[in-house]
C-alpha atoms as a PDB file:
ATOM      1  CA  MET A   1     -82.717  68.648  22.735  1.00  0.00           C
ATOM      2  CA  GLN A   2     -81.730  70.329  19.503  1.00  0.00           C
ATOM      3  CA  PHE A   3     -78.233  70.543  18.049  1.00  0.00           C
ATOM      4  CA  PHE A   4     -76.735  73.015  15.573  1.00  0.00           C
ATOM      5  CA  ASP A   5     -73.696  71.863  13.607  1.00  0.00           C
ATOM      6  CA  THR A   6     -72.042  75.149  12.695  1.00  0.00           C
ATOM      7  CA  HIS A   7     -69.454  73.666  10.302  1.00  0.00           C
ATOM      8  CA  ALA A   8     -69.839  70.577   8.104  1.00  0.00           C
ATOM      9  CA  HIS A   9     -68.213  69.815   4.759  1.00  0.00           C
ATOM     10  CA  ILE A  10     -71.151  67.877   3.337  1.00  0.00           C
ATOM     11  CA  GLY A  11     -69.498  67.527  -0.059  1.00  0.00           C
ATOM     12  CA  LEU A  12     -66.408  65.932   1.462  1.00  0.00           C
ATOM     13  CA  ILE A  13     -68.378  63.396   3.499  1.00  0.00           C
ATOM     14  CA  ASN A  14     -69.770  62.014   0.264  1.00  0.00           C
ATOM     15  CA  GLU A  15     -69.684  63.335  -3.301  1.00  0.00           C
ATOM     16  CA  ASP A  16     -72.885  61.549  -4.317  1.00  0.00           C
ATOM     17  CA  PRO A  17     -75.878  63.951  -4.304  1.00  0.00           C
ATOM     18  CA  ILE A  18     -78.278  61.313  -2.992  1.00  0.00           C
ATOM     19  CA  GLU A  19     -75.918  60.374  -0.173  1.00  0.00           C
ATOM     20  CA  GLN A  20     -75.593  64.048   0.750  1.00  0.00           C
ATOM     21  CA  LEU A  21     -79.353  64.295   1.121  1.00  0.00           C
ATOM     22  CA  ILE A  22     -79.409  61.133   3.231  1.00  0.00           C
ATOM     23  CA  ILE A  23     -76.680  62.525   5.508  1.00  0.00           C
ATOM     24  CA  VAL A  24     -78.510  65.770   6.296  1.00  0.00           C
ATOM     25  CA  GLN A  25     -81.889  64.031   6.635  1.00  0.00           C
ATOM     26  CA  GLU A  26     -80.372  61.461   8.995  1.00  0.00           C
ATOM     27  CA  ALA A  27     -78.928  64.292  11.078  1.00  0.00           C
ATOM     28  CA  LYS A  28     -82.333  65.933  11.365  1.00  0.00           C
ATOM     29  CA  GLN A  29     -83.779  62.667  12.657  1.00  0.00           C
ATOM     30  CA  GLU A  30     -81.079  62.778  15.366  1.00  0.00           C
ATOM     31  CA  ASN A  31     -82.236  66.293  16.382  1.00  0.00           C
ATOM     32  CA  VAL A  32     -79.538  68.155  14.462  1.00  0.00           C
ATOM     33  CA  THR A  33     -82.025  70.749  13.269  1.00  0.00           C
ATOM     34  CA  GLY A  34     -79.439  73.214  12.003  1.00  0.00           C
ATOM     35  CA  ILE A  35     -76.358  72.625   9.827  1.00  0.00           C
ATOM     36  CA  VAL A  36     -74.056  75.121   8.130  1.00  0.00           C
ATOM     37  CA  SER A  37     -72.620  73.617   4.960  1.00  0.00           C
ATOM     38  CA  ILE A  38     -69.053  74.671   4.187  1.00  0.00           C
ATOM     39  CA  SER A  39     -67.338  74.513   0.793  1.00  0.00           C
ATOM     40  CA  ASN A  40     -63.667  75.375   0.340  1.00  0.00           C
ATOM     41  CA  ASN A  41     -64.128  76.551  -3.240  1.00  0.00           C
ATOM     42  CA  LEU A  42     -66.867  78.280  -5.179  1.00  0.00           C
ATOM     43  CA  PRO A  43     -67.669  75.592  -7.799  1.00  0.00           C
ATOM     44  CA  ASP A  44     -68.355  73.116  -4.983  1.00  0.00           C
ATOM     45  CA  PHE A  45     -70.401  75.707  -3.114  1.00  0.00           C
ATOM     46  CA  PHE A  46     -72.852  76.219  -5.984  1.00  0.00           C
ATOM     47  CA  LYS A  47     -73.073  72.486  -6.712  1.00  0.00           C
ATOM     48  CA  ILE A  48     -73.821  71.547  -3.095  1.00  0.00           C
ATOM     49  CA  TYR A  49     -76.143  74.501  -2.590  1.00  0.00           C
ATOM     50  CA  ASP A  50     -78.226  73.414  -5.561  1.00  0.00           C
ATOM     51  CA  ASN A  51     -78.349  69.826  -4.340  1.00  0.00           C
ATOM     52  CA  LEU A  52     -79.464  70.762  -0.809  1.00  0.00           C
ATOM     53  CA  LYS A  53     -81.729  73.709  -1.637  1.00  0.00           C
ATOM     54  CA  THR A  54     -84.863  71.850  -0.477  1.00  0.00           C
ATOM     55  CA  GLU A  55     -83.319  71.030   2.928  1.00  0.00           C
ATOM     56  CA  THR A  56     -84.465  74.060   4.883  1.00  0.00           C
ATOM     57  CA  HIS A  57     -82.507  73.112   8.011  1.00  0.00           C
ATOM     58  CA  VAL A  58     -79.249  73.371   6.025  1.00  0.00           C
ATOM     59  CA  PHE A  59     -77.702  76.830   5.803  1.00  0.00           C
ATOM     60  CA  HIS A  60     -74.681  77.815   3.765  1.00  0.00           C
ATOM     61  CA  SER A  61     -71.446  79.765   4.035  1.00  0.00           C
ATOM     62  CA  ILE A  62     -69.701  81.078   0.942  1.00  0.00           C
ATOM     63  CA  GLY A  63     -66.046  81.950   0.593  1.00  0.00           C
ATOM     64  CA  VAL A  64     -62.618  80.952  -0.652  1.00  0.00           C
ATOM     65  CA  SER A  65     -60.466  79.089   1.847  1.00  0.00           C
ATOM     66  CA  PRO A  66     -56.681  79.546   2.046  1.00  0.00           C
ATOM     67  CA  SER A  67     -56.277  76.165   0.350  1.00  0.00           C
ATOM     68  CA  GLU A  68     -57.548  77.783  -2.856  1.00  0.00           C
ATOM     69  CA  VAL A  69     -55.329  80.878  -2.736  1.00  0.00           C
ATOM     70  CA  SER A  70     -53.441  79.917  -5.918  1.00  0.00           C
ATOM     71  CA  HIS A  71     -56.613  79.347  -7.964  1.00  0.00           C
ATOM     72  CA  PRO A  72     -59.662  81.210  -6.581  1.00  0.00           C
ATOM     73  CA  GLY A  73     -60.956  81.901 -10.109  1.00  0.00           C
ATOM     74  CA  LEU A  74     -60.728  85.141 -12.061  1.00  0.00           C
ATOM     75  CA  ASP A  75     -64.262  86.200 -11.093  1.00  0.00           C
ATOM     76  CA  TRP A  76     -64.288  84.889  -7.534  1.00  0.00           C
ATOM     77  CA  GLN A  77     -65.410  88.175  -5.995  1.00  0.00           C
ATOM     78  CA  ILE A  78     -68.363  88.434  -8.381  1.00  0.00           C
ATOM     79  CA  LYS A  79     -69.346  84.837  -7.596  1.00  0.00           C
ATOM     80  CA  ILE A  80     -69.285  85.500  -3.860  1.00  0.00           C
ATOM     81  CA  GLU A  81     -71.424  88.593  -4.330  1.00  0.00           C
ATOM     82  CA  ASP A  82     -73.907  86.620  -6.443  1.00  0.00           C
ATOM     83  CA  GLY A  83     -73.912  83.802  -3.915  1.00  0.00           C
ATOM     84  CA  THR A  84     -74.784  86.068  -0.997  1.00  0.00           C
ATOM     85  CA  LYS A  85     -78.080  86.870  -2.724  1.00  0.00           C
ATOM     86  CA  LEU A  86     -79.258  83.248  -2.413  1.00  0.00           C
ATOM     87  CA  ASP A  87     -81.526  82.002   0.368  1.00  0.00           C
ATOM     88  CA  ARG A  88     -80.078  80.730   3.656  1.00  0.00           C
ATOM     89  CA  ILE A  89     -76.604  82.219   3.159  1.00  0.00           C
ATOM     90  CA  VAL A  90     -75.523  82.999   6.700  1.00  0.00           C
ATOM     91  CA  SER A  91     -71.793  83.789   6.586  1.00  0.00           C
ATOM     92  CA  ILE A  92     -68.603  84.295   4.612  1.00  0.00           C
ATOM     93  CA  GLY A  93     -66.205  81.395   5.041  1.00  0.00           C
ATOM     94  CA  GLU A  94     -64.342  79.510   5.662  1.00  0.00           C
ATOM     95  CA  ILE A  95     -61.623  82.095   5.215  1.00  0.00           C
ATOM     96  CA  GLY A  96     -58.351  82.683   6.994  1.00  0.00           C
ATOM     97  CA  LEU A  97     -54.712  81.629   7.076  1.00  0.00           C
ATOM     98  CA  ASP A  98     -52.982  78.259   6.965  1.00  0.00           C
ATOM     99  CA  TYR A  99     -49.219  78.320   7.386  1.00  0.00           C
ATOM    100  CA  TYR A 100     -49.010  74.588   8.100  1.00  0.00           C
ATOM    101  CA  HIS A 101     -49.817  73.494   4.552  1.00  0.00           C
ATOM    102  CA  LYS A 102     -48.001  76.464   2.963  1.00  0.00           C
ATOM    103  CA  PHE A 103     -50.724  77.149   0.408  1.00  0.00           C
ATOM    104  CA  GLY A 104     -49.428  79.715  -2.083  1.00  0.00           C
ATOM    105  CA  ASN A 105     -47.426  82.243  -0.077  1.00  0.00           C
ATOM    106  CA  ARG A 106     -48.206  84.164   3.091  1.00  0.00           C
ATOM    107  CA  ASP A 107     -48.729  87.515   1.400  1.00  0.00           C
ATOM    108  CA  ALA A 108     -51.235  86.004  -1.027  1.00  0.00           C
ATOM    109  CA  GLN A 109     -53.102  84.277   1.801  1.00  0.00           C
ATOM    110  CA  ILE A 110     -53.257  87.500   3.800  1.00  0.00           C
ATOM    111  CA  GLU A 111     -54.515  89.467   0.800  1.00  0.00           C
ATOM    112  CA  LEU A 112     -57.260  86.908   0.117  1.00  0.00           C
ATOM    113  CA  PHE A 113     -58.250  86.898   3.795  1.00  0.00           C
ATOM    114  CA  ILE A 114     -58.470  90.681   4.062  1.00  0.00           C
ATOM    115  CA  LYS A 115     -60.464  91.072   0.842  1.00  0.00           C
ATOM    116  CA  GLN A 116     -63.072  88.613   2.103  1.00  0.00           C
ATOM    117  CA  LEU A 117     -63.245  90.267   5.523  1.00  0.00           C
ATOM    118  CA  GLU A 118     -64.008  93.513   3.713  1.00  0.00           C
ATOM    119  CA  MET A 119     -66.660  91.776   1.622  1.00  0.00           C
ATOM    120  CA  ALA A 120     -68.266  90.370   4.769  1.00  0.00           C
ATOM    121  CA  GLU A 121     -68.551  93.895   6.147  1.00  0.00           C
ATOM    122  CA  ARG A 122     -70.096  95.080   2.903  1.00  0.00           C
ATOM    123  CA  PHE A 123     -72.661  92.265   2.914  1.00  0.00           C
ATOM    124  CA  LYS A 124     -73.240  92.498   6.691  1.00  0.00           C
ATOM    125  CA  LEU A 125     -72.370  88.858   7.325  1.00  0.00           C
ATOM    126  CA  PRO A 126     -70.263  87.188  10.031  1.00  0.00           C
ATOM    127  CA  VAL A 127     -67.135  85.267   9.096  1.00  0.00           C
ATOM    128  CA  ILE A 128     -66.001  81.684   9.722  1.00  0.00           C
ATOM    129  CA  ILE A 129     -62.264  81.763  10.314  1.00  0.00           C
ATOM    130  CA  HIS A 130     -59.701  79.066   9.554  1.00  0.00           C
ATOM    131  CA  ASN A 131     -56.455  79.297  11.518  1.00  0.00           C
ATOM    132  CA  ARG A 132     -53.678  76.777  11.359  1.00  0.00           C
ATOM    133  CA  GLU A 133     -50.295  77.766  12.760  1.00  0.00           C
ATOM    134  CA  ALA A 134     -51.075  81.405  11.902  1.00  0.00           C
ATOM    135  CA  GLY A 135     -52.566  82.560  15.186  1.00  0.00           C
ATOM    136  CA  THR A 136     -50.623  85.794  15.602  1.00  0.00           C
ATOM    137  CA  ASP A 137     -51.336  87.051  12.083  1.00  0.00           C
ATOM    138  CA  VAL A 138     -54.997  86.030  12.302  1.00  0.00           C
ATOM    139  CA  LEU A 139     -55.584  88.042  15.476  1.00  0.00           C
ATOM    140  CA  ASP A 140     -53.569  91.019  14.239  1.00  0.00           C
ATOM    141  CA  ILE A 141     -55.648  91.178  11.067  1.00  0.00           C
ATOM    142  CA  LEU A 142     -58.936  90.696  12.889  1.00  0.00           C
ATOM    143  CA  ARG A 143     -58.162  93.549  15.271  1.00  0.00           C
ATOM    144  CA  GLU A 144     -58.201  95.816  12.217  1.00  0.00           C
ATOM    145  CA  LYS A 145     -60.596  94.110   9.828  1.00  0.00           C
ATOM    146  CA  LEU A 146     -63.131  91.997  11.760  1.00  0.00           C
ATOM    147  CA  PRO A 147     -66.560  92.850  10.293  1.00  0.00           C
ATOM    148  CA  SER A 148     -69.229  94.339  12.514  1.00  0.00           C
ATOM    149  CA  ARG A 149     -71.187  91.067  12.570  1.00  0.00           C
ATOM    150  CA  GLY A 150     -68.170  89.358  14.131  1.00  0.00           C
ATOM    151  CA  GLY A 151     -66.724  85.947  13.510  1.00  0.00           C
ATOM    152  CA  VAL A 152     -66.009  82.481  14.847  1.00  0.00           C
ATOM    153  CA  LEU A 153     -62.682  80.701  15.206  1.00  0.00           C
ATOM    154  CA  HIS A 154     -63.775  77.354  13.831  1.00  0.00           C
ATOM    155  CA  CYS A 155     -62.359  73.975  14.886  1.00  0.00           C
ATOM    156  CA  TYR A 156     -60.483  75.740  17.645  1.00  0.00           C
ATOM    157  CA  SER A 157     -56.993  74.343  18.255  1.00  0.00           C
ATOM    158  CA  GLU A 158     -55.135  77.042  20.185  1.00  0.00           C
ATOM    159  CA  ASP A 159     -54.783  77.261  23.978  1.00  0.00           C
ATOM    160  CA  TYR A 160     -56.886  79.077  26.574  1.00  0.00           C
ATOM    161  CA  GLU A 161     -54.568  82.102  26.637  1.00  0.00           C
ATOM    162  CA  TYR A 162     -55.175  82.634  22.920  1.00  0.00           C
ATOM    163  CA  ALA A 163     -58.934  82.246  23.449  1.00  0.00           C
ATOM    164  CA  GLN A 164     -58.844  85.003  26.045  1.00  0.00           C
ATOM    165  CA  LYS A 165     -57.233  87.346  23.505  1.00  0.00           C
ATOM    166  CA  ALA A 166     -59.779  86.350  20.854  1.00  0.00           C
ATOM    167  CA  LEU A 167     -62.701  86.993  23.192  1.00  0.00           C
ATOM    168  CA  GLU A 168     -61.573  90.602  23.548  1.00  0.00           C
ATOM    169  CA  LEU A 169     -62.889  90.913  19.981  1.00  0.00           C
ATOM    170  CA  ASN A 170     -66.379  90.140  18.678  1.00  0.00           C
ATOM    171  CA  LEU A 171     -65.469  86.478  18.231  1.00  0.00           C
ATOM    172  CA  TYR A 172     -66.909  83.114  19.173  1.00  0.00           C
ATOM    173  CA  VAL A 173     -64.905  79.925  19.705  1.00  0.00           C
ATOM    174  CA  SER A 174     -66.193  76.760  18.017  1.00  0.00           C
ATOM    175  CA  LEU A 175     -65.160  73.362  19.354  1.00  0.00           C
ATOM    176  CA  ALA A 176     -65.120  70.211  17.234  1.00  0.00           C
ATOM    177  CA  GLY A 177     -64.698  66.510  17.917  1.00  0.00           C
ATOM    178  CA  ASN A 178     -60.995  66.924  18.697  1.00  0.00           C
ATOM    179  CA  VAL A 179     -61.973  68.346  22.093  1.00  0.00           C
ATOM    180  CA  THR A 180     -62.932  64.770  23.042  1.00  0.00           C
ATOM    181  CA  TYR A 181     -59.391  63.454  22.487  1.00  0.00           C
ATOM    182  CA  ARG A 182     -57.614  62.385  25.653  1.00  0.00           C
ATOM    183  CA  ASN A 183     -54.404  64.323  24.936  1.00  0.00           C
ATOM    184  CA  ALA A 184     -56.130  67.588  23.887  1.00  0.00           C
ATOM    185  CA  ARG A 185     -55.487  69.221  27.246  1.00  0.00           C
ATOM    186  CA  ASN A 186     -55.311  72.734  25.787  1.00  0.00           C
ATOM    187  CA  LEU A 187     -58.820  72.281  24.387  1.00  0.00           C
ATOM    188  CA  HIS A 188     -60.102  70.803  27.643  1.00  0.00           C
ATOM    189  CA  GLU A 189     -58.877  73.882  29.521  1.00  0.00           C
ATOM    190  CA  THR A 190     -60.428  76.175  26.924  1.00  0.00           C
ATOM    191  CA  ALA A 191     -63.781  74.391  26.999  1.00  0.00           C
ATOM    192  CA  LYS A 192     -63.874  74.496  30.782  1.00  0.00           C
ATOM    193  CA  ASN A 193     -63.064  78.166  31.099  1.00  0.00           C
ATOM    194  CA  ILE A 194     -64.430  80.211  28.216  1.00  0.00           C
ATOM    195  CA  PRO A 195     -67.872  81.753  28.769  1.00  0.00           C
ATOM    196  CA  ILE A 196     -70.480  79.435  27.320  1.00  0.00           C
ATOM    197  CA  GLU A 197     -72.206  82.464  25.773  1.00  0.00           C
ATOM    198  CA  ARG A 198     -69.245  82.740  23.357  1.00  0.00           C
ATOM    199  CA  MET A 199     -69.074  79.050  22.435  1.00  0.00           C
ATOM    200  CA  LEU A 200     -70.334  77.161  19.388  1.00  0.00           C
ATOM    201  CA  ILE A 201     -69.873  73.512  18.410  1.00  0.00           C
ATOM    202  CA  GLU A 202     -69.339  71.840  15.065  1.00  0.00           C
ATOM    203  CA  THR A 203     -68.431  68.523  13.530  1.00  0.00           C
ATOM    204  CA  GLU A 204     -65.933  69.715  10.898  1.00  0.00           C
ATOM    205  CA  SER A 205     -67.244  66.670   9.011  1.00  0.00           C
ATOM    206  CA  PRO A 206     -65.782  64.441   7.697  1.00  0.00           C
ATOM    207  CA  PHE A 207     -62.774  65.267   9.886  1.00  0.00           C
ATOM    208  CA  MET A 208     -62.278  65.484  13.670  1.00  0.00           C
ATOM    209  CA  VAL A 209     -64.594  62.600  14.491  1.00  0.00           C
ATOM    210  CA  PRO A 210     -65.382  62.386  18.244  1.00  0.00           C
ATOM    211  CA  SER A 211     -63.389  59.693  20.037  1.00  0.00           C
ATOM    212  CA  PHE A 212     -66.592  57.681  20.605  1.00  0.00           C
ATOM    213  CA  TYR A 213     -66.750  57.151  16.817  1.00  0.00           C
ATOM    214  CA  ARG A 214     -63.000  56.908  16.181  1.00  0.00           C
ATOM    215  CA  GLY A 215     -62.254  55.124  12.912  1.00  0.00           C
ATOM    216  CA  LYS A 216     -65.377  56.391  11.148  1.00  0.00           C
ATOM    217  CA  ARG A 217     -65.894  59.378   8.869  1.00  0.00           C
ATOM    218  CA  ASN A 218     -67.442  62.190  10.837  1.00  0.00           C
ATOM    219  CA  LYS A 219     -70.927  63.472  10.030  1.00  0.00           C
ATOM    220  CA  PRO A 220     -73.414  65.920  11.573  1.00  0.00           C
ATOM    221  CA  SER A 221     -75.389  63.260  13.455  1.00  0.00           C
ATOM    222  CA  TYR A 222     -72.290  62.587  15.601  1.00  0.00           C
ATOM    223  CA  ILE A 223     -72.292  66.047  17.179  1.00  0.00           C
ATOM    224  CA  ILE A 224     -74.072  64.873  20.320  1.00  0.00           C
ATOM    225  CA  GLU A 225     -70.865  63.188  21.543  1.00  0.00           C
ATOM    226  CA  THR A 226     -68.958  66.465  21.356  1.00  0.00           C
ATOM    227  CA  ALA A 227     -71.738  68.232  23.254  1.00  0.00           C
ATOM    228  CA  ARG A 228     -71.828  65.484  25.880  1.00  0.00           C
ATOM    229  CA  PHE A 229     -68.065  65.706  26.458  1.00  0.00           C
ATOM    230  CA  ILE A 230     -68.155  69.500  26.837  1.00  0.00           C
ATOM    231  CA  ALA A 231     -71.077  69.273  29.264  1.00  0.00           C
ATOM    232  CA  GLU A 232     -69.035  66.922  31.423  1.00  0.00           C
ATOM    233  CA  LEU A 233     -66.023  69.253  31.302  1.00  0.00           C
ATOM    234  CA  LYS A 234     -68.126  72.218  32.343  1.00  0.00           C
ATOM    235  CA  GLY A 235     -70.048  70.238  34.964  1.00  0.00           C
ATOM    236  CA  MET A 236     -73.486  71.076  33.636  1.00  0.00           C
ATOM    237  CA  PRO A 237     -76.472  69.090  32.348  1.00  0.00           C
ATOM    238  CA  LEU A 238     -76.312  68.202  28.657  1.00  0.00           C
ATOM    239  CA  GLU A 239     -79.804  69.619  28.085  1.00  0.00           C
ATOM    240  CA  GLU A 240     -78.813  73.000  29.521  1.00  0.00           C
ATOM    241  CA  LEU A 241     -75.606  73.144  27.501  1.00  0.00           C
ATOM    242  CA  THR A 242     -77.282  72.250  24.214  1.00  0.00           C
ATOM    243  CA  GLU A 243     -80.032  74.820  24.757  1.00  0.00           C
ATOM    244  CA  ILE A 244     -77.450  77.584  25.227  1.00  0.00           C
ATOM    245  CA  LEU A 245     -75.291  76.447  22.303  1.00  0.00           C
ATOM    246  CA  TYR A 246     -78.303  76.298  20.010  1.00  0.00           C
ATOM    247  CA  ALA A 247     -79.320  79.828  21.003  1.00  0.00           C
ATOM    248  CA  ASN A 248     -75.733  80.994  20.429  1.00  0.00           C
ATOM    249  CA  SER A 249     -75.811  79.550  16.905  1.00  0.00           C
ATOM    250  CA  LEU A 250     -79.051  81.316  16.038  1.00  0.00           C
ATOM    251  CA  LYS A 251     -77.704  84.596  17.385  1.00  0.00           C
ATOM    252  CA  PHE A 252     -74.358  84.336  15.608  1.00  0.00           C
ATOM    253  CA  PHE A 253     -75.848  83.524  12.207  1.00  0.00           C
ATOM    254  CA  GLY A 254     -78.676  86.033  12.585  1.00  0.00           C
ATOM    255  CA  LEU A 255     -81.394  83.381  12.568  1.00  0.00           C
ATOM    256  CA  ASP A 256     -83.250  84.451  15.716  1.00  0.00           C
END
């Protein structure tokens, strides 16, 4: 079996460059042969990219998350454009809206989101979408601005009804370790019912640790527990599920 962690904040698991290398190498030994490294801001992106540039199973997404809306940097658009020219850049993200934390103001978040969706179309890259308590606005914007390469709703937290609306667009749904939580009934229903061909999985490291590892900091090597839980929900062999999810990841990021 091979696993593809489509969303891991390597720099937040550990700031030490040597520890970051150990984390991704350990994951590879556990058959996590694909990882997409996510950075919320551009300085961290370039620092982590440089540190992991020899790890060919680690791919990278570049973008400015809503948490940085008040300070993206004067030349942030130029830096994203420069970053997309590097090797193993597979997406723009994470980008989106977060009304829970009230970063900046809503208009500024929406403007930042739309500009990066337009950049993704220009660079012919898919997008990794952050949505927290902003589901209506996210879908409304994506109906108009989703790039041709599509996108993924990462660390999905909405209900099945919302997933059905999202799947009318060129979107995937990515499930993280929170799907394993006993009280996450909305996620259980979603995992059971959405077409597996539109599903991805992720760790969202160091957050959303699967319940099997509760109390620890999440990391890519833990993704097998999320896959195992989803396989049980869908009533299918783990090997079959992981084969499909891996193929989905390659297709979504244009790696096949």
